N, C-alpha and C. Protein backbone atom coordinates (compact mmCIF):
# COMPACT_ATOMS: atom_id res chain seq x y z
N MET A 1 0.77 -15.84 -12.43
CA MET A 1 2.10 -15.35 -12.19
C MET A 1 2.41 -15.45 -10.70
N GLN A 2 3.21 -16.35 -10.33
CA GLN A 2 3.56 -16.55 -8.96
C GLN A 2 4.39 -15.37 -8.41
N GLN A 3 5.23 -14.81 -9.24
CA GLN A 3 6.12 -13.72 -8.82
C GLN A 3 5.28 -12.48 -8.46
N MET A 4 4.29 -12.15 -9.26
CA MET A 4 3.46 -10.96 -9.03
C MET A 4 2.65 -11.15 -7.76
N ARG A 5 2.14 -12.32 -7.53
CA ARG A 5 1.34 -12.59 -6.30
C ARG A 5 2.28 -12.46 -5.09
N ARG A 6 3.49 -12.93 -5.16
CA ARG A 6 4.43 -12.82 -4.06
C ARG A 6 4.73 -11.36 -3.75
N ILE A 7 4.93 -10.56 -4.79
CA ILE A 7 5.19 -9.13 -4.59
C ILE A 7 3.97 -8.47 -3.97
N ALA A 8 2.77 -8.83 -4.40
CA ALA A 8 1.56 -8.25 -3.83
C ALA A 8 1.39 -8.58 -2.35
N ILE A 9 1.71 -9.79 -1.97
CA ILE A 9 1.55 -10.16 -0.57
C ILE A 9 2.62 -9.46 0.28
N ILE A 10 3.86 -9.41 -0.18
CA ILE A 10 4.90 -8.72 0.60
C ILE A 10 4.60 -7.22 0.72
N SER A 11 4.12 -6.60 -0.35
CA SER A 11 3.82 -5.15 -0.26
C SER A 11 2.59 -4.93 0.59
N ALA A 12 1.64 -5.82 0.62
CA ALA A 12 0.46 -5.68 1.48
C ALA A 12 0.89 -5.74 2.96
N ILE A 13 1.76 -6.67 3.27
CA ILE A 13 2.28 -6.76 4.65
C ILE A 13 3.03 -5.49 5.01
N LEU A 14 3.84 -5.00 4.11
CA LEU A 14 4.58 -3.76 4.37
C LEU A 14 3.64 -2.59 4.54
N GLY A 15 2.60 -2.52 3.73
CA GLY A 15 1.62 -1.43 3.85
C GLY A 15 0.87 -1.45 5.14
N VAL A 16 0.49 -2.63 5.61
CA VAL A 16 -0.20 -2.77 6.91
C VAL A 16 0.70 -2.32 8.03
N LEU A 17 1.99 -2.67 7.97
CA LEU A 17 2.93 -2.26 9.03
C LEU A 17 3.16 -0.75 9.02
N ILE A 18 3.19 -0.13 7.82
CA ILE A 18 3.36 1.30 7.75
C ILE A 18 2.13 2.01 8.31
N VAL A 19 0.95 1.57 7.96
CA VAL A 19 -0.29 2.15 8.45
C VAL A 19 -0.38 1.97 9.97
N ALA A 20 0.00 0.81 10.48
CA ALA A 20 -0.03 0.58 11.92
C ALA A 20 0.94 1.53 12.66
N ASP A 21 2.10 1.75 12.08
CA ASP A 21 3.04 2.69 12.69
C ASP A 21 2.49 4.12 12.67
N GLY A 22 1.84 4.49 11.55
CA GLY A 22 1.23 5.80 11.49
C GLY A 22 0.11 6.00 12.50
N ILE A 23 -0.71 4.97 12.67
CA ILE A 23 -1.78 5.03 13.66
C ILE A 23 -1.21 5.14 15.09
N TYR A 24 -0.15 4.38 15.36
CA TYR A 24 0.49 4.45 16.65
C TYR A 24 1.04 5.86 16.93
N GLN A 25 1.66 6.47 15.90
CA GLN A 25 2.19 7.81 16.07
C GLN A 25 1.07 8.84 16.23
N GLN A 26 -0.04 8.64 15.58
CA GLN A 26 -1.17 9.56 15.74
C GLN A 26 -1.76 9.46 17.14
N ILE A 27 -1.92 8.25 17.63
CA ILE A 27 -2.48 8.02 18.95
C ILE A 27 -1.59 8.58 20.05
N SER A 28 -0.27 8.35 19.90
CA SER A 28 0.68 8.79 20.94
C SER A 28 1.05 10.27 20.78
N LYS A 29 0.53 10.93 19.76
CA LYS A 29 0.81 12.36 19.49
C LYS A 29 2.32 12.59 19.30
N TYR A 30 2.93 11.63 18.60
CA TYR A 30 4.39 11.75 18.31
C TYR A 30 4.65 12.91 17.38
N ASN A 31 5.69 13.68 17.69
CA ASN A 31 6.15 14.77 16.85
C ASN A 31 7.65 14.77 16.89
N GLY A 32 8.26 14.41 15.79
CA GLY A 32 9.70 14.31 15.74
C GLY A 32 10.36 15.68 15.57
N GLY A 33 9.62 16.76 15.54
CA GLY A 33 10.19 18.07 15.40
C GLY A 33 10.45 18.47 13.95
N GLU A 34 10.10 17.60 13.02
CA GLU A 34 10.36 17.92 11.62
C GLU A 34 9.10 18.23 10.85
N THR A 35 8.00 18.49 11.53
CA THR A 35 6.74 18.76 10.88
C THR A 35 6.85 20.17 10.26
N GLN A 36 6.60 20.28 8.98
CA GLN A 36 6.70 21.55 8.28
C GLN A 36 5.37 21.83 7.54
N ASN A 37 5.20 23.05 7.21
CA ASN A 37 3.98 23.42 6.45
C ASN A 37 4.13 22.89 5.03
N VAL A 38 2.97 22.46 4.51
CA VAL A 38 2.93 22.00 3.14
C VAL A 38 2.67 23.21 2.24
N LEU A 39 3.52 23.36 1.26
CA LEU A 39 3.43 24.47 0.32
C LEU A 39 3.43 25.84 0.96
N ASN A 40 4.08 25.94 2.09
CA ASN A 40 4.18 27.20 2.86
C ASN A 40 2.82 27.79 3.24
N LEU A 41 1.84 26.92 3.46
CA LEU A 41 0.54 27.36 3.94
C LEU A 41 0.54 27.15 5.46
N SER A 42 0.15 28.19 6.20
CA SER A 42 0.26 28.12 7.66
C SER A 42 -0.83 27.25 8.25
N ASN A 43 -1.93 27.00 7.56
CA ASN A 43 -3.01 26.19 8.16
C ASN A 43 -2.99 24.75 7.72
N VAL A 44 -2.05 24.34 6.86
CA VAL A 44 -2.00 22.94 6.39
C VAL A 44 -0.68 22.33 6.83
N THR A 45 -0.75 21.51 7.88
CA THR A 45 0.44 20.81 8.33
C THR A 45 0.11 19.34 8.45
N LEU A 46 1.08 18.49 8.07
CA LEU A 46 0.94 17.08 8.24
C LEU A 46 1.86 16.55 9.30
N THR A 47 1.33 15.79 10.25
CA THR A 47 2.19 15.21 11.26
C THR A 47 2.86 13.99 10.67
N ASP A 48 3.83 13.46 11.37
CA ASP A 48 4.53 12.26 10.95
C ASP A 48 3.61 11.08 10.81
N GLY A 49 2.69 10.96 11.72
CA GLY A 49 1.72 9.84 11.67
C GLY A 49 0.81 9.88 10.45
N MET A 50 0.32 11.09 10.12
CA MET A 50 -0.52 11.23 8.94
C MET A 50 0.25 10.94 7.68
N THR A 51 1.52 11.34 7.61
CA THR A 51 2.32 11.03 6.45
C THR A 51 2.48 9.54 6.27
N LEU A 52 2.70 8.82 7.37
CA LEU A 52 2.82 7.36 7.30
C LEU A 52 1.50 6.70 6.90
N ILE A 53 0.40 7.22 7.40
CA ILE A 53 -0.90 6.61 7.05
C ILE A 53 -1.16 6.84 5.55
N ILE A 54 -0.89 7.99 5.04
CA ILE A 54 -1.10 8.24 3.63
C ILE A 54 -0.19 7.36 2.76
N SER A 55 1.08 7.28 3.14
CA SER A 55 1.99 6.45 2.35
C SER A 55 1.67 4.98 2.45
N GLY A 56 1.23 4.51 3.63
CA GLY A 56 0.80 3.14 3.75
C GLY A 56 -0.42 2.83 2.93
N ALA A 57 -1.34 3.79 2.83
CA ALA A 57 -2.54 3.58 2.01
C ALA A 57 -2.15 3.47 0.55
N ILE A 58 -1.18 4.26 0.14
CA ILE A 58 -0.72 4.17 -1.28
C ILE A 58 -0.07 2.84 -1.54
N VAL A 59 0.73 2.33 -0.60
CA VAL A 59 1.36 1.01 -0.79
C VAL A 59 0.28 -0.09 -0.84
N LEU A 60 -0.78 0.04 0.00
CA LEU A 60 -1.85 -0.95 -0.02
C LEU A 60 -2.60 -0.94 -1.38
N VAL A 61 -2.83 0.25 -1.94
CA VAL A 61 -3.48 0.33 -3.25
C VAL A 61 -2.63 -0.31 -4.31
N VAL A 62 -1.33 -0.05 -4.30
CA VAL A 62 -0.41 -0.69 -5.26
C VAL A 62 -0.41 -2.17 -5.09
N SER A 63 -0.42 -2.69 -3.88
CA SER A 63 -0.44 -4.12 -3.68
C SER A 63 -1.77 -4.73 -4.17
N LEU A 64 -2.85 -4.01 -3.99
CA LEU A 64 -4.13 -4.49 -4.48
C LEU A 64 -4.14 -4.58 -6.01
N VAL A 65 -3.59 -3.57 -6.66
CA VAL A 65 -3.47 -3.60 -8.13
C VAL A 65 -2.60 -4.76 -8.59
N ALA A 66 -1.45 -4.97 -7.91
CA ALA A 66 -0.58 -6.07 -8.25
C ALA A 66 -1.26 -7.43 -8.06
N PHE A 67 -2.07 -7.55 -7.01
CA PHE A 67 -2.76 -8.82 -6.75
C PHE A 67 -3.82 -9.03 -7.83
N LEU A 68 -4.54 -7.95 -8.20
CA LEU A 68 -5.56 -8.10 -9.26
C LEU A 68 -4.94 -8.47 -10.59
N LEU A 69 -3.80 -7.86 -10.90
CA LEU A 69 -3.10 -8.20 -12.14
C LEU A 69 -2.59 -9.64 -12.14
N SER A 70 -2.17 -10.12 -11.00
CA SER A 70 -1.67 -11.50 -10.93
C SER A 70 -2.86 -12.47 -11.08
N MET A 71 -4.05 -12.10 -10.55
CA MET A 71 -5.21 -12.95 -10.72
C MET A 71 -5.68 -12.94 -12.16
N ARG A 72 -5.62 -11.78 -12.82
CA ARG A 72 -6.07 -11.66 -14.20
C ARG A 72 -5.14 -12.38 -15.16
N SER A 73 -3.84 -12.32 -14.91
CA SER A 73 -2.92 -12.96 -15.81
C SER A 73 -2.90 -14.47 -15.64
N SER A 74 -3.26 -14.98 -14.46
CA SER A 74 -3.26 -16.41 -14.27
C SER A 74 -4.61 -17.01 -14.64
N SER A 75 -5.64 -16.22 -14.74
CA SER A 75 -6.97 -16.70 -15.05
C SER A 75 -7.11 -17.30 -16.46
N PRO A 76 -6.65 -16.63 -17.53
CA PRO A 76 -6.82 -17.20 -18.86
C PRO A 76 -6.05 -18.50 -19.05
N ALA A 77 -4.94 -18.66 -18.39
CA ALA A 77 -4.15 -19.87 -18.54
C ALA A 77 -4.90 -21.09 -17.96
N ASN A 78 -5.67 -20.87 -16.92
CA ASN A 78 -6.42 -21.92 -16.29
C ASN A 78 -7.71 -22.26 -17.06
N ASN A 79 -8.24 -21.29 -17.78
CA ASN A 79 -9.53 -21.48 -18.46
C ASN A 79 -9.35 -21.67 -19.96
N SER A 80 -8.18 -22.06 -20.42
CA SER A 80 -7.95 -22.25 -21.82
C SER A 80 -8.77 -23.45 -22.34
N PRO A 81 -9.33 -23.34 -23.55
CA PRO A 81 -10.17 -24.42 -24.04
C PRO A 81 -9.32 -25.64 -24.35
N GLN A 82 -9.87 -26.79 -24.13
CA GLN A 82 -9.22 -28.06 -24.40
C GLN A 82 -9.50 -28.45 -25.86
N VAL A 83 -8.51 -28.91 -26.54
CA VAL A 83 -8.65 -29.35 -27.91
C VAL A 83 -8.89 -30.87 -27.91
N LYS A 84 -9.99 -31.30 -28.49
CA LYS A 84 -10.29 -32.74 -28.55
C LYS A 84 -9.72 -33.33 -29.86
N ARG A 85 -9.15 -34.47 -29.71
CA ARG A 85 -8.59 -35.16 -30.89
C ARG A 85 -9.34 -36.42 -31.21
């Protein structure tokens, strides 16, 4: 499936860019002023950079699954038995 492979490649590129932005924000200690407590717990806060790193990792996992599905769906078509006449 060419379409599924294309989706996997585009989402992998997007995931790498999101993770790179999250790493940049973590290194530069960026804080947009919107950091809030998670579930109203005072000791659990996520910065903007960590949120981007987590979401980028999720996008990379989804792209890996899409790539594996595209490889699996194209594999049986290539290995189909030949009928001799």
